[in-house]
Amino acid sequence: MNSATIQLAITNTYFDGAEIETSAIITVPVPYPIDPDEREEWAYEHIFPETGTGRDGDAWYEAEVVASTDSELTGKTFEFGG
């Protein structure tokens, strides 16, 4: 299996209005899936674990790939919660 290293810019927005910016550098498998259901599963398995700051309550997370060793992933945005 091939892999890519990506840098994520993550916005963690909480129900009380707090917004916390974080970042992460991780390795993910490639190629990025074509099927929408597989894409969602891929995102929850590899991107979602990098979101959150340990706060309780409802939250919305947005993670943008700001750099990647695989150009196909650069600029992709993943959203969770809501």
PDB file of N, CA and C in Angstrom:
ATOM      1  N   MET A   1       0.843  -1.188   0.000  1.00  0.00           N
ATOM      2  CA  MET A   1       0.000   0.000   0.000  1.00  0.00           C
ATOM      3  C   MET A   1       0.881   1.242   0.000  1.00  0.00           C
ATOM      4  N   ASN A   2       0.556   2.188  -0.849  1.00  0.00           N
ATOM      5  CA  ASN A   2       1.277   3.449  -0.903  1.00  0.00           C
ATOM      6  C   ASN A   2       0.727   4.403   0.144  1.00  0.00           C
ATOM      7  N   SER A   3       1.518   5.412   0.475  1.00  0.00           N
ATOM      8  CA  SER A   3       1.073   6.379   1.468  1.00  0.00           C
ATOM      9  C   SER A   3       1.553   7.778   1.089  1.00  0.00           C
ATOM     10  N   ALA A   4       0.938   8.765   1.718  1.00  0.00           N
ATOM     11  CA  ALA A   4       1.309  10.166   1.549  1.00  0.00           C
ATOM     12  C   ALA A   4       1.359  10.818   2.921  1.00  0.00           C
ATOM     13  N   THR A   5       2.226  11.791   3.064  1.00  0.00           N
ATOM     14  CA  THR A   5       2.274  12.593   4.282  1.00  0.00           C
ATOM     15  C   THR A   5       1.504  13.875   3.996  1.00  0.00           C
ATOM     16  N   ILE A   6       0.570  14.198   4.896  1.00  0.00           N
ATOM     17  CA  ILE A   6      -0.240  15.405   4.724  1.00  0.00           C
ATOM     18  C   ILE A   6      -0.155  16.291   5.963  1.00  0.00           C
ATOM     19  N   GLN A   7      -0.326  17.592   5.724  1.00  0.00           N
ATOM     20  CA  GLN A   7      -0.429  18.555   6.819  1.00  0.00           C
ATOM     21  C   GLN A   7      -1.853  19.074   6.823  1.00  0.00           C
ATOM     22  N   LEU A   8      -2.489  19.006   7.985  1.00  0.00           N
ATOM     23  CA  LEU A   8      -3.869  19.447   8.145  1.00  0.00           C
ATOM     24  C   LEU A   8      -3.940  20.748   8.939  1.00  0.00           C
ATOM     25  N   ALA A   9      -4.785  21.664   8.483  1.00  0.00           N
ATOM     26  CA  ALA A   9      -5.176  22.835   9.265  1.00  0.00           C
ATOM     27  C   ALA A   9      -6.601  22.547   9.722  1.00  0.00           C
ATOM     28  N   ILE A  10      -6.805  22.471  11.030  1.00  0.00           N
ATOM     29  CA  ILE A  10      -8.075  22.007  11.584  1.00  0.00           C
ATOM     30  C   ILE A  10      -8.744  23.129  12.371  1.00  0.00           C
ATOM     31  N   THR A  11     -10.029  23.343  12.083  1.00  0.00           N
ATOM     32  CA  THR A  11     -10.836  24.283  12.855  1.00  0.00           C
ATOM     33  C   THR A  11     -11.839  23.465  13.663  1.00  0.00           C
ATOM     34  N   ASN A  12     -11.758  23.578  14.974  1.00  0.00           N
ATOM     35  CA  ASN A  12     -12.656  22.895  15.905  1.00  0.00           C
ATOM     36  C   ASN A  12     -13.629  23.940  16.436  1.00  0.00           C
ATOM     37  N   THR A  13     -14.897  23.855  16.049  1.00  0.00           N
ATOM     38  CA  THR A  13     -15.906  24.836  16.462  1.00  0.00           C
ATOM     39  C   THR A  13     -16.878  24.150  17.406  1.00  0.00           C
ATOM     40  N   TYR A  14     -17.070  24.753  18.574  1.00  0.00           N
ATOM     41  CA  TYR A  14     -17.894  24.143  19.606  1.00  0.00           C
ATOM     42  C   TYR A  14     -19.226  24.869  19.763  1.00  0.00           C
ATOM     43  N   PHE A  15     -20.206  24.162  20.323  1.00  0.00           N
ATOM     44  CA  PHE A  15     -21.568  24.646  20.475  1.00  0.00           C
ATOM     45  C   PHE A  15     -21.627  25.996  21.186  1.00  0.00           C
ATOM     46  N   ASP A  16     -20.715  26.201  22.133  1.00  0.00           N
ATOM     47  CA  ASP A  16     -20.726  27.459  22.883  1.00  0.00           C
ATOM     48  C   ASP A  16     -20.092  28.614  22.111  1.00  0.00           C
ATOM     49  N   GLY A  17     -19.681  28.363  20.864  1.00  0.00           N
ATOM     50  CA  GLY A  17     -19.092  29.413  20.035  1.00  0.00           C
ATOM     51  C   GLY A  17     -17.577  29.427  20.030  1.00  0.00           C
ATOM     52  N   ALA A  18     -16.952  28.663  20.895  1.00  0.00           N
ATOM     53  CA  ALA A  18     -15.487  28.617  20.924  1.00  0.00           C
ATOM     54  C   ALA A  18     -14.973  27.996  19.627  1.00  0.00           C
ATOM     55  N   GLU A  19     -13.915  28.580  19.101  1.00  0.00           N
ATOM     56  CA  GLU A  19     -13.286  28.064  17.895  1.00  0.00           C
ATOM     57  C   GLU A  19     -11.794  27.914  18.171  1.00  0.00           C
ATOM     58  N   ILE A  20     -11.293  26.710  17.998  1.00  0.00           N
ATOM     59  CA  ILE A  20      -9.893  26.426  18.311  1.00  0.00           C
ATOM     60  C   ILE A  20      -9.225  25.862  17.064  1.00  0.00           C
ATOM     61  N   GLU A  21      -8.133  26.502  16.664  1.00  0.00           N
ATOM     62  CA  GLU A  21      -7.365  26.071  15.496  1.00  0.00           C
ATOM     63  C   GLU A  21      -6.251  25.129  15.951  1.00  0.00           C
ATOM     64  N   THR A  22      -6.125  23.996  15.260  1.00  0.00           N
ATOM     65  CA  THR A  22      -5.036  23.067  15.527  1.00  0.00           C
ATOM     66  C   THR A  22      -4.458  22.624  14.186  1.00  0.00           C
ATOM     67  N   SER A  23      -3.381  21.862  14.238  1.00  0.00           N
ATOM     68  CA  SER A  23      -2.793  21.320  13.017  1.00  0.00           C
ATOM     69  C   SER A  23      -2.229  19.942  13.321  1.00  0.00           C
ATOM     70  N   ALA A  24      -2.006  19.197  12.261  1.00  0.00           N
ATOM     71  CA  ALA A  24      -1.448  17.855  12.413  1.00  0.00           C
ATOM     72  C   ALA A  24      -0.711  17.482  11.138  1.00  0.00           C
ATOM     73  N   ILE A  25       0.312  16.678  11.290  1.00  0.00           N
ATOM     74  CA  ILE A  25       1.004  16.080  10.157  1.00  0.00           C
ATOM     75  C   ILE A  25       0.881  14.570  10.334  1.00  0.00           C
ATOM     76  N   ILE A  26       0.272  13.918   9.330  1.00  0.00           N
ATOM     77  CA  ILE A  26       0.000  12.490   9.430  1.00  0.00           C
ATOM     78  C   ILE A  26       0.329  11.796   8.106  1.00  0.00           C
ATOM     79  N   THR A  27       0.392  10.489   8.162  1.00  0.00           N
ATOM     80  CA  THR A  27       0.576   9.668   6.974  1.00  0.00           C
ATOM     81  C   THR A  27      -0.736   8.938   6.705  1.00  0.00           C
ATOM     82  N   VAL A  28      -1.187   8.992   5.453  1.00  0.00           N
ATOM     83  CA  VAL A  28      -2.447   8.363   5.054  1.00  0.00           C
ATOM     84  C   VAL A  28      -2.198   7.464   3.850  1.00  0.00           C
ATOM     85  N   PRO A  29      -3.048   6.444   3.678  1.00  0.00           N
ATOM     86  CA  PRO A  29      -2.908   5.592   2.502  1.00  0.00           C
ATOM     87  C   PRO A  29      -3.436   6.294   1.247  1.00  0.00           C
ATOM     88  N   VAL A  30      -2.809   6.013   0.124  1.00  0.00           N
ATOM     89  CA  VAL A  30      -3.270   6.487  -1.170  1.00  0.00           C
ATOM     90  C   VAL A  30      -3.307   5.300  -2.122  1.00  0.00           C
ATOM     91  N   PRO A  31      -4.111   5.359  -3.172  1.00  0.00           N
ATOM     92  CA  PRO A  31      -4.809   6.546  -3.668  1.00  0.00           C
ATOM     93  C   PRO A  31      -6.069   6.848  -2.864  1.00  0.00           C
ATOM     94  N   TYR A  32      -6.505   8.106  -2.954  1.00  0.00           N
ATOM     95  CA  TYR A  32      -7.747   8.557  -2.349  1.00  0.00           C
ATOM     96  C   TYR A  32      -8.892   7.853  -3.067  1.00  0.00           C
ATOM     97  N   PRO A  33      -9.845   7.281  -2.331  1.00  0.00           N
ATOM     98  CA  PRO A  33     -10.921   6.512  -2.970  1.00  0.00           C
ATOM     99  C   PRO A  33     -11.765   7.331  -3.957  1.00  0.00           C
ATOM    100  N   ILE A  34     -12.293   6.658  -4.953  1.00  0.00           N
ATOM    101  CA  ILE A  34     -13.177   7.280  -5.943  1.00  0.00           C
ATOM    102  C   ILE A  34     -14.623   7.241  -5.483  1.00  0.00           C
ATOM    103  N   ASP A  35     -15.051   6.125  -4.915  1.00  0.00           N
ATOM    104  CA  ASP A  35     -16.431   5.933  -4.467  1.00  0.00           C
ATOM    105  C   ASP A  35     -16.732   6.850  -3.272  1.00  0.00           C
ATOM    106  N   PRO A  36     -17.848   7.608  -3.297  1.00  0.00           N
ATOM    107  CA  PRO A  36     -18.188   8.519  -2.196  1.00  0.00           C
ATOM    108  C   PRO A  36     -18.285   7.837  -0.827  1.00  0.00           C
ATOM    109  N   ASP A  37     -18.857   6.636  -0.767  1.00  0.00           N
ATOM    110  CA  ASP A  37     -18.958   5.938   0.514  1.00  0.00           C
ATOM    111  C   ASP A  37     -17.579   5.553   1.037  1.00  0.00           C
ATOM    112  N   GLU A  38     -16.701   5.122   0.150  1.00  0.00           N
ATOM    113  CA  GLU A  38     -15.337   4.776   0.549  1.00  0.00           C
ATOM    114  C   GLU A  38     -14.560   6.023   0.961  1.00  0.00           C
ATOM    115  N   ARG A  39     -14.836   7.156   0.307  1.00  0.00           N
ATOM    116  CA  ARG A  39     -14.182   8.417   0.688  1.00  0.00           C
ATOM    117  C   ARG A  39     -14.564   8.808   2.118  1.00  0.00           C
ATOM    118  N   GLU A  40     -15.859   8.669   2.438  1.00  0.00           N
ATOM    119  CA  GLU A  40     -16.319   9.014   3.788  1.00  0.00           C
ATOM    120  C   GLU A  40     -15.666   8.105   4.824  1.00  0.00           C
ATOM    121  N   GLU A  41     -15.615   6.817   4.540  1.00  0.00           N
ATOM    122  CA  GLU A  41     -14.975   5.865   5.448  1.00  0.00           C
ATOM    123  C   GLU A  41     -13.489   6.193   5.613  1.00  0.00           C
ATOM    124  N   TRP A  42     -12.806   6.500   4.510  1.00  0.00           N
ATOM    125  CA  TRP A  42     -11.387   6.867   4.531  1.00  0.00           C
ATOM    126  C   TRP A  42     -11.183   8.094   5.416  1.00  0.00           C
ATOM    127  N   ALA A  43     -12.029   9.111   5.238  1.00  0.00           N
ATOM    128  CA  ALA A  43     -11.899  10.347   6.017  1.00  0.00           C
ATOM    129  C   ALA A  43     -12.118  10.094   7.505  1.00  0.00           C
ATOM    130  N   TYR A  44     -13.132   9.303   7.860  1.00  0.00           N
ATOM    131  CA  TYR A  44     -13.385   9.019   9.273  1.00  0.00           C
ATOM    132  C   TYR A  44     -12.269   8.170   9.886  1.00  0.00           C
ATOM    133  N   GLU A  45     -11.673   7.316   9.087  1.00  0.00           N
ATOM    134  CA  GLU A  45     -10.605   6.465   9.609  1.00  0.00           C
ATOM    135  C   GLU A  45      -9.282   7.207   9.768  1.00  0.00           C
ATOM    136  N   HIS A  46      -8.978   8.129   8.852  1.00  0.00           N
ATOM    137  CA  HIS A  46      -7.646   8.739   8.841  1.00  0.00           C
ATOM    138  C   HIS A  46      -7.605  10.214   9.243  1.00  0.00           C
ATOM    139  N   ILE A  47      -8.656  10.978   8.953  1.00  0.00           N
ATOM    140  CA  ILE A  47      -8.651  12.421   9.240  1.00  0.00           C
ATOM    141  C   ILE A  47      -9.359  12.745  10.559  1.00  0.00           C
ATOM    142  N   PHE A  48     -10.544  12.180  10.758  1.00  0.00           N
ATOM    143  CA  PHE A  48     -11.348  12.486  11.951  1.00  0.00           C
ATOM    144  C   PHE A  48     -10.588  12.324  13.266  1.00  0.00           C
ATOM    145  N   PRO A  49      -9.754  11.281  13.444  1.00  0.00           N
ATOM    146  CA  PRO A  49      -9.051  11.139  14.729  1.00  0.00           C
ATOM    147  C   PRO A  49      -8.147  12.326  15.084  1.00  0.00           C
ATOM    148  N   GLU A  50      -7.812  13.161  14.101  1.00  0.00           N
ATOM    149  CA  GLU A  50      -6.953  14.319  14.353  1.00  0.00           C
ATOM    150  C   GLU A  50      -7.736  15.539  14.827  1.00  0.00           C
ATOM    151  N   THR A  51      -9.081  15.468  14.763  1.00  0.00           N
ATOM    152  CA  THR A  51      -9.909  16.610  15.159  1.00  0.00           C
ATOM    153  C   THR A  51     -10.189  16.563  16.659  1.00  0.00           C
ATOM    154  N   GLY A  52     -10.721  17.671  17.151  1.00  0.00           N
ATOM    155  CA  GLY A  52     -11.099  17.749  18.561  1.00  0.00           C
ATOM    156  C   GLY A  52      -9.966  18.226  19.437  1.00  0.00           C
ATOM    157  N   THR A  53     -10.352  18.734  20.593  1.00  0.00           N
ATOM    158  CA  THR A  53      -9.375  19.255  21.552  1.00  0.00           C
ATOM    159  C   THR A  53      -9.635  18.729  22.956  1.00  0.00           C
ATOM    160  N   GLY A  54     -10.511  17.728  23.062  1.00  0.00           N
ATOM    161  CA  GLY A  54     -10.805  17.157  24.371  1.00  0.00           C
ATOM    162  C   GLY A  54     -11.949  17.825  25.100  1.00  0.00           C
ATOM    163  N   ARG A  55     -12.579  18.805  24.471  1.00  0.00           N
ATOM    164  CA  ARG A  55     -13.727  19.481  25.098  1.00  0.00           C
ATOM    165  C   ARG A  55     -14.965  18.612  24.982  1.00  0.00           C
ATOM    166  N   ASP A  56     -15.889  18.776  25.904  1.00  0.00           N
ATOM    167  CA  ASP A  56     -17.172  18.075  25.852  1.00  0.00           C
ATOM    168  C   ASP A  56     -18.184  18.913  25.074  1.00  0.00           C
ATOM    169  N   GLY A  57     -19.228  18.265  24.601  1.00  0.00           N
ATOM    170  CA  GLY A  57     -20.318  18.974  23.943  1.00  0.00           C
ATOM    171  C   GLY A  57     -20.279  18.824  22.434  1.00  0.00           C
ATOM    172  N   ASP A  58     -21.340  19.338  21.808  1.00  0.00           N
ATOM    173  CA  ASP A  58     -21.452  19.261  20.355  1.00  0.00           C
ATOM    174  C   ASP A  58     -20.365  20.098  19.693  1.00  0.00           C
ATOM    175  N   ALA A  59     -19.910  19.602  18.532  1.00  0.00           N
ATOM    176  CA  ALA A  59     -18.839  20.306  17.833  1.00  0.00           C
ATOM    177  C   ALA A  59     -18.942  20.064  16.333  1.00  0.00           C
ATOM    178  N   TRP A  60     -18.293  20.944  15.590  1.00  0.00           N
ATOM    179  CA  TRP A  60     -18.170  20.853  14.143  1.00  0.00           C
ATOM    180  C   TRP A  60     -16.683  20.963  13.845  1.00  0.00           C
ATOM    181  N   TYR A  61     -16.177  20.075  13.008  1.00  0.00           N
ATOM    182  CA  TYR A  61     -14.756  20.054  12.685  1.00  0.00           C
ATOM    183  C   TYR A  61     -14.555  20.213  11.189  1.00  0.00           C
ATOM    184  N   GLU A  62     -13.596  21.034  10.810  1.00  0.00           N
ATOM    185  CA  GLU A  62     -13.212  21.184   9.413  1.00  0.00           C
ATOM    186  C   GLU A  62     -11.705  21.004   9.330  1.00  0.00           C
ATOM    187  N   ALA A  63     -11.276  20.071   8.486  1.00  0.00           N
ATOM    188  CA  ALA A  63      -9.848  19.791   8.327  1.00  0.00           C
ATOM    189  C   ALA A  63      -9.477  19.969   6.869  1.00  0.00           C
ATOM    190  N   GLU A  64      -8.554  20.879   6.603  1.00  0.00           N
ATOM    191  CA  GLU A  64      -8.103  21.135   5.233  1.00  0.00           C
ATOM    192  C   GLU A  64      -6.680  20.622   5.063  1.00  0.00           C
ATOM    193  N   VAL A  65      -6.448  19.924   3.966  1.00  0.00           N
ATOM    194  CA  VAL A  65      -5.096  19.475   3.633  1.00  0.00           C
ATOM    195  C   VAL A  65      -4.369  20.671   3.015  1.00  0.00           C
ATOM    196  N   VAL A  66      -3.408  21.228   3.748  1.00  0.00           N
ATOM    197  CA  VAL A  66      -2.695  22.419   3.277  1.00  0.00           C
ATOM    198  C   VAL A  66      -1.379  22.072   2.591  1.00  0.00           C
ATOM    199  N   ALA A  67      -0.904  20.851   2.788  1.00  0.00           N
ATOM    200  CA  ALA A  67       0.302  20.380   2.107  1.00  0.00           C
ATOM    201  C   ALA A  67       0.253  18.866   2.069  1.00  0.00           C
ATOM    202  N   SER A  68       0.807  18.296   0.998  1.00  0.00           N
ATOM    203  CA  SER A  68       0.784  16.848   0.860  1.00  0.00           C
ATOM    204  C   SER A  68       1.875  16.395  -0.097  1.00  0.00           C
ATOM    205  N   THR A  69       2.390  15.205   0.152  1.00  0.00           N
ATOM    206  CA  THR A  69       3.340  14.605  -0.787  1.00  0.00           C
ATOM    207  C   THR A  69       2.595  14.012  -1.983  1.00  0.00           C
ATOM    208  N   ASP A  70       1.258  13.987  -1.940  1.00  0.00           N
ATOM    209  CA  ASP A  70       0.406  13.552  -3.051  1.00  0.00           C
ATOM    210  C   ASP A  70      -0.450  14.753  -3.452  1.00  0.00           C
ATOM    211  N   SER A  71      -0.174  15.333  -4.599  1.00  0.00           N
ATOM    212  CA  SER A  71      -0.844  16.574  -5.010  1.00  0.00           C
ATOM    213  C   SER A  71      -2.361  16.430  -5.099  1.00  0.00           C
ATOM    214  N   GLU A  72      -2.878  15.220  -5.302  1.00  0.00           N
ATOM    215  CA  GLU A  72      -4.319  15.010  -5.378  1.00  0.00           C
ATOM    216  C   GLU A  72      -5.015  15.395  -4.068  1.00  0.00           C
ATOM    217  N   LEU A  73      -4.313  15.275  -2.944  1.00  0.00           N
ATOM    218  CA  LEU A  73      -4.930  15.544  -1.640  1.00  0.00           C
ATOM    219  C   LEU A  73      -4.855  17.017  -1.236  1.00  0.00           C
ATOM    220  N   THR A  74      -3.891  17.753  -1.759  1.00  0.00           N
ATOM    221  CA  THR A  74      -3.721  19.155  -1.377  1.00  0.00           C
ATOM    222  C   THR A  74      -4.976  19.955  -1.725  1.00  0.00           C
ATOM    223  N   GLY A  75      -5.475  20.693  -0.737  1.00  0.00           N
ATOM    224  CA  GLY A  75      -6.655  21.524  -0.926  1.00  0.00           C
ATOM    225  C   GLY A  75      -7.964  20.855  -0.574  1.00  0.00           C
ATOM    226  N   LYS A  76      -7.952  19.552  -0.347  1.00  0.00           N
ATOM    227  CA  LYS A  76      -9.189  18.857   0.033  1.00  0.00           C
ATOM    228  C   LYS A  76      -9.590  19.284   1.448  1.00  0.00           C
ATOM    229  N   THR A  77     -10.905  19.419   1.662  1.00  0.00           N
ATOM    230  CA  THR A  77     -11.446  19.798   2.964  1.00  0.00           C
ATOM    231  C   THR A  77     -12.417  18.702   3.412  1.00  0.00           C
ATOM    232  N   PHE A  78     -12.305  18.339   4.673  1.00  0.00           N
ATOM    233  CA  PHE A  78     -13.148  17.301   5.264  1.00  0.00           C
ATOM    234  C   PHE A  78     -13.922  17.914   6.421  1.00  0.00           C
ATOM    235  N   GLU A  79     -15.224  17.649   6.482  1.00  0.00           N
ATOM    236  CA  GLU A  79     -16.077  18.203   7.516  1.00  0.00           C
ATOM    237  C   GLU A  79     -16.729  17.079   8.305  1.00  0.00           C
ATOM    238  N   PHE A  80     -16.790  17.276   9.614  1.00  0.00           N
ATOM    239  CA  PHE A  80     -17.372  16.283  10.526  1.00  0.00           C
ATOM    240  C   PHE A  80     -18.228  17.004  11.553  1.00  0.00           C
ATOM    241  N   GLY A  81     -19.301  16.365  11.982  1.00  0.00           N
ATOM    242  CA  GLY A  81     -20.133  16.922  13.051  1.00  0.00           C
ATOM    243  C   GLY A  81     -21.248  17.778  12.507  1.00  0.00           C
ATOM    244  N   GLY A  82     -21.796  18.532  13.404  1.00  0.00           N
ATOM    245  CA  GLY A  82     -22.847  19.430  12.957  1.00  0.00           C
ATOM    246  C   GLY A  82     -24.081  19.141  13.621  1.00  0.00           C
TER     247      GLY A  82
END
